[in-house]
Structure formats: structure tokens, C-alpha cells
Amino acid sequence: MKFQKALLIVDVQNDFCPGGALGVPEGDKIVSVINKYIRVFAKNKWPIFATRDWHPARTRHFKDFGGAWPAHCIQNSRGAAFHQDLKLPKKVVLLYKGMDPEEDAYSAFSARDLSGQGLFDLFKKMGIKEIYIAGLAADYCVKFTAIDALKSGFKIKILMDAIKGVNLKPRDSEEAIKKITKMGAKKVKLEDLKKN
């Protein structure tokens, strides 16, 4: 069966929510909105993908080993678990990224499923042309995922009511959205999707 649309939920994990090792301000506030998108996509039988950072304890991504970030989302830790209120369906395709200690792996396109298949190949195999992106963080993993998707020829919709940013500088998320919309991404909200 060929699909056209897919929902891609990026890194809605405990460590990226308030109280986590790298908490995004109000990162937990988008979970209920993402659940609404999940219901819309599940009802239409459109596929749903969810990525998670899945770092080894030693990686050059972490400050202790020369990287930019405090340790977070270490494999099998509570911090790496999805937020408890995120209602992923049974048929969700789970993808893991950041497993290589030599890479940062911000983009979902560096993630792999349990069989080792990458996101690009999975999308191509399933006939997906249009990707709806939600999750954390707008100015890092969401941004780099959208850039890679656009460069790979996919149509991108950024779910503006279902993303939040780190904002190390106050306008980081705003600048990230500006960059990816300039490249061709469209901004949408839940009511836009319900109209279609």
C-alpha cells in the first residue's frame, strides 16, 4: 500500500522535557497536541514515526567528551524514555539516533529502526512524499530533520502548535523556522489539517 503523508514525532523524551537533563522550556506542553495529531493520522491510516536520542554513555556529543551538551538520553535510561503522556500507537515506527559515539545525529535522517534501516529508505519504500514534523527541539533536531528532508525532495509541514525550542539565544527557534520555510517548508496547525 502506498502512502503519501506521514507524521514524524521528534525526540519527545523525558530528558528534553522540563526537569530532564536538557529540558526544553514547556517541552511537555506539546504532548497533548501531538496526541491529537496522532489520532488524526491513525484515523486516516497514515504512518507515524517517532525518533529518540539513544546515546551511549560515552560520546563526543557530551560536554565531558568534548561536545556541547550535558549527558542526556543515555540508552535504556529514564531520561531516554518517551514522555509518559505521549500516546504512541502500536504500529508506530520507532527510530533511534545518536548511537554512534562519533556523531551528533541531530537529524532524524541519521536515525535507524531496529532492523538498521534509515528513515530515507523507509519513506521511499512506503511511498511517503509529505512529512508532518512535530517534537523537540525546534531549533535543533526539528530544524536539521526538516533541512535534510527538504534536501531529499520531501514536502515538509512544520506543526507549529506541536514544537518547542531550546532557545539558547532568544530567537533561535524563530530563526530556525524562518530558515526552513525559506527552503520550502510550510507552517501548519491542527485546524489546517482537519480542514483537508
Protein backbone atom coordinates (compact mmCIF):
# COMPACT_ATOMS: atom_id res chain seq x y z
CA MET A 1 0.00 0.00 0.00
CA LYS A 2 1.34 3.41 -0.96
CA PHE A 3 1.08 6.32 1.47
CA GLN A 4 1.55 9.99 0.76
CA LYS A 5 1.68 11.54 4.22
CA ALA A 6 3.50 10.65 7.42
CA LEU A 7 3.71 12.10 10.90
CA LEU A 8 7.25 12.36 12.27
CA ILE A 9 7.48 12.91 16.03
CA VAL A 10 10.98 14.03 17.01
CA ASP A 11 12.54 13.24 20.41
CA VAL A 12 9.63 13.73 22.82
CA GLN A 13 11.71 12.22 25.62
CA ASN A 14 11.94 12.86 29.36
CA ASP A 15 15.39 14.45 29.16
CA PHE A 16 14.08 17.08 26.72
CA CYS A 17 11.08 17.94 28.89
CA PRO A 18 11.14 20.22 31.97
CA GLY A 19 13.06 18.52 34.79
CA GLY A 20 15.14 16.48 32.32
CA ALA A 21 18.89 16.74 31.74
CA LEU A 22 18.33 19.06 28.78
CA GLY A 23 14.80 20.26 29.37
CA VAL A 24 13.16 22.43 26.73
CA PRO A 25 11.04 25.15 28.40
CA GLU A 26 7.40 23.99 28.20
CA GLY A 27 8.50 20.97 26.14
CA ASP A 28 5.85 18.88 27.88
CA LYS A 29 3.08 21.31 26.81
CA ILE A 30 3.09 19.99 23.24
CA VAL A 31 2.45 16.35 24.20
CA SER A 32 -1.35 16.67 24.32
CA VAL A 33 -1.32 18.43 20.91
CA ILE A 34 0.89 15.71 19.40
CA ASN A 35 -1.59 13.14 20.71
CA LYS A 36 -4.32 14.91 18.70
CA TYR A 37 -2.18 14.70 15.55
CA ILE A 38 -1.58 11.01 16.29
CA ARG A 39 -5.36 10.44 16.39
CA VAL A 40 -5.85 12.23 13.03
CA PHE A 41 -3.06 10.26 11.35
CA ALA A 42 -4.13 6.93 12.86
CA LYS A 43 -7.73 7.53 11.75
CA ASN A 44 -6.56 8.15 8.18
CA LYS A 45 -4.20 5.13 8.34
CA TRP A 46 -1.21 7.39 7.58
CA PRO A 47 2.04 6.09 9.06
CA ILE A 48 3.51 7.52 12.24
CA PHE A 49 7.23 7.62 13.06
CA ALA A 50 8.87 8.56 16.35
CA THR A 51 12.58 9.24 16.83
CA ARG A 52 14.51 9.13 20.06
CA ASP A 53 18.03 10.12 21.01
CA TRP A 54 19.72 6.91 22.12
CA HIS A 55 23.23 7.86 23.17
CA PRO A 56 25.91 5.63 24.63
CA ALA A 57 27.27 6.81 28.00
CA ARG A 58 30.49 7.93 26.26
CA THR A 59 30.01 10.07 23.17
CA ARG A 60 31.70 13.14 21.74
CA HIS A 61 28.21 14.71 21.75
CA PHE A 62 28.50 15.22 25.55
CA LYS A 63 30.46 18.00 27.27
CA ASP A 64 32.53 15.50 29.26
CA PHE A 65 33.96 14.16 25.99
CA GLY A 66 34.38 17.42 24.08
CA GLY A 67 30.82 18.05 22.93
CA ALA A 68 28.33 20.85 23.50
CA TRP A 69 25.73 19.19 25.72
CA PRO A 70 25.36 17.69 29.20
CA ALA A 71 24.78 13.91 29.23
CA HIS A 72 21.21 13.11 28.13
CA CYS A 73 19.07 10.33 26.68
CA ILE A 74 21.54 7.59 27.60
CA GLN A 75 20.37 4.24 26.23
CA ASN A 76 17.79 2.50 28.45
CA SER A 77 17.73 5.34 31.00
CA ARG A 78 14.57 7.02 32.29
CA GLY A 79 15.68 10.19 30.53
CA ALA A 80 15.71 8.40 27.17
CA ALA A 81 12.14 7.12 27.62
CA PHE A 82 9.31 8.84 25.77
CA HIS A 83 7.26 11.27 27.84
CA GLN A 84 4.73 9.20 29.78
CA ASP A 85 1.73 11.09 28.35
CA LEU A 86 2.74 10.57 24.72
CA LYS A 87 0.23 8.10 23.29
CA LEU A 88 2.15 6.35 20.53
CA PRO A 89 0.06 3.83 18.58
CA LYS A 90 1.02 0.16 18.38
CA LYS A 91 2.01 0.50 14.72
CA VAL A 92 4.41 3.41 15.29
CA VAL A 93 7.81 3.03 13.60
CA LEU A 94 10.47 3.70 16.25
CA LEU A 95 13.81 5.16 15.18
CA TYR A 96 16.99 5.55 17.20
CA LYS A 97 19.70 8.16 16.67
CA GLY A 98 22.98 9.25 18.23
CA MET A 99 24.11 5.67 18.86
CA ASP A 100 27.48 6.25 17.20
CA PRO A 101 29.81 7.86 19.78
CA GLU A 102 31.47 9.81 16.95
CA GLU A 103 28.38 11.65 15.70
CA ASP A 104 25.96 14.29 17.00
CA ALA A 105 23.00 12.98 14.98
CA TYR A 106 20.58 15.91 15.27
CA SER A 107 18.58 14.93 12.19
CA ALA A 108 16.02 12.13 12.15
CA PHE A 109 17.62 11.15 8.84
CA SER A 110 20.57 9.79 10.80
CA ALA A 111 18.19 7.55 12.80
CA ARG A 112 17.61 3.85 12.16
CA ASP A 113 14.89 1.40 13.04
CA LEU A 114 15.65 -1.81 14.94
CA SER A 115 16.46 -3.65 11.70
CA GLY A 116 19.03 -0.97 10.80
CA GLN A 117 17.02 0.75 8.05
CA GLY A 118 17.36 4.51 7.77
CA LEU A 119 14.47 6.95 7.61
CA PHE A 120 15.06 7.96 3.98
CA ASP A 121 14.82 4.32 2.82
CA LEU A 122 11.73 3.69 4.93
CA PHE A 123 9.98 6.75 3.49
CA LYS A 124 10.88 5.78 -0.07
CA LYS A 125 9.74 2.19 0.45
CA MET A 126 6.39 3.36 1.86
CA GLY A 127 5.81 5.93 -0.88
CA ILE A 128 5.81 8.88 1.50
CA LYS A 129 6.05 12.28 -0.17
CA GLU A 130 4.87 14.64 2.56
CA ILE A 131 6.15 14.75 6.14
CA TYR A 132 4.44 16.48 9.04
CA ILE A 133 7.03 17.23 11.74
CA ALA A 134 6.34 17.68 15.46
CA GLY A 135 8.54 17.50 18.55
CA LEU A 136 11.68 18.77 20.23
CA ALA A 137 13.60 20.88 19.78
CA ALA A 138 12.53 23.35 17.09
CA ASP A 139 15.97 24.93 16.82
CA TYR A 140 17.97 21.67 16.70
CA CYS A 141 16.59 18.24 15.84
CA VAL A 142 13.39 19.52 14.24
CA LYS A 143 15.33 22.07 12.19
CA PHE A 144 18.02 19.63 10.99
CA THR A 145 15.41 16.97 10.21
CA ALA A 146 13.42 19.44 8.10
CA ILE A 147 16.56 20.62 6.25
CA ASP A 148 17.57 17.03 5.40
CA ALA A 149 14.01 16.19 4.33
CA LEU A 150 13.79 19.22 2.04
CA LYS A 151 17.18 18.46 0.51
CA SER A 152 15.96 14.91 -0.13
CA GLY A 153 12.93 16.18 -2.05
CA PHE A 154 10.16 15.66 0.51
CA LYS A 155 7.37 18.17 1.11
CA ILE A 156 7.52 19.40 4.69
CA LYS A 157 4.83 20.70 7.01
CA ILE A 158 6.03 22.04 10.36
CA LEU A 159 3.38 21.60 13.05
CA MET A 160 3.69 24.98 14.72
CA ASP A 161 1.45 24.08 17.68
CA ALA A 162 3.43 20.88 18.34
CA ILE A 163 7.06 22.09 18.53
CA LYS A 164 9.10 23.91 21.18
CA GLY A 165 12.68 25.17 21.11
CA VAL A 166 15.69 25.30 23.42
CA ASN A 167 16.39 28.95 22.53
CA LEU A 168 19.90 29.31 23.90
CA LYS A 169 19.55 32.69 22.18
CA PRO A 170 16.02 34.11 22.46
CA ARG A 171 15.25 33.99 18.73
CA ASP A 172 16.84 30.63 17.84
CA SER A 173 13.54 28.85 17.15
CA GLU A 174 12.15 31.79 15.19
CA GLU A 175 15.33 31.85 13.05
CA ALA A 176 15.16 28.08 12.54
CA ILE A 177 11.55 28.27 11.30
CA LYS A 178 12.45 31.20 9.06
CA LYS A 179 15.30 29.21 7.51
CA ILE A 180 13.29 26.08 6.79
CA THR A 181 10.26 27.98 5.45
CA LYS A 182 12.61 29.86 3.12
CA MET A 183 13.77 26.44 1.89
CA GLY A 184 10.16 25.45 1.17
CA ALA A 185 8.63 24.08 4.40
CA LYS A 186 5.06 25.15 5.17
CA LYS A 187 3.75 26.09 8.61
CA VAL A 188 0.53 24.39 9.66
CA LYS A 189 -1.59 23.87 12.78
CA LEU A 190 -4.08 21.20 13.78
CA GLU A 191 -7.11 23.08 12.45
CA ASP A 192 -5.44 23.29 9.00
CA LEU A 193 -5.03 19.52 8.91
CA LYS A 194 -8.63 18.93 9.97
CA LYS A 195 -9.84 21.12 7.08
CA ASN A 196 -8.10 18.93 4.48
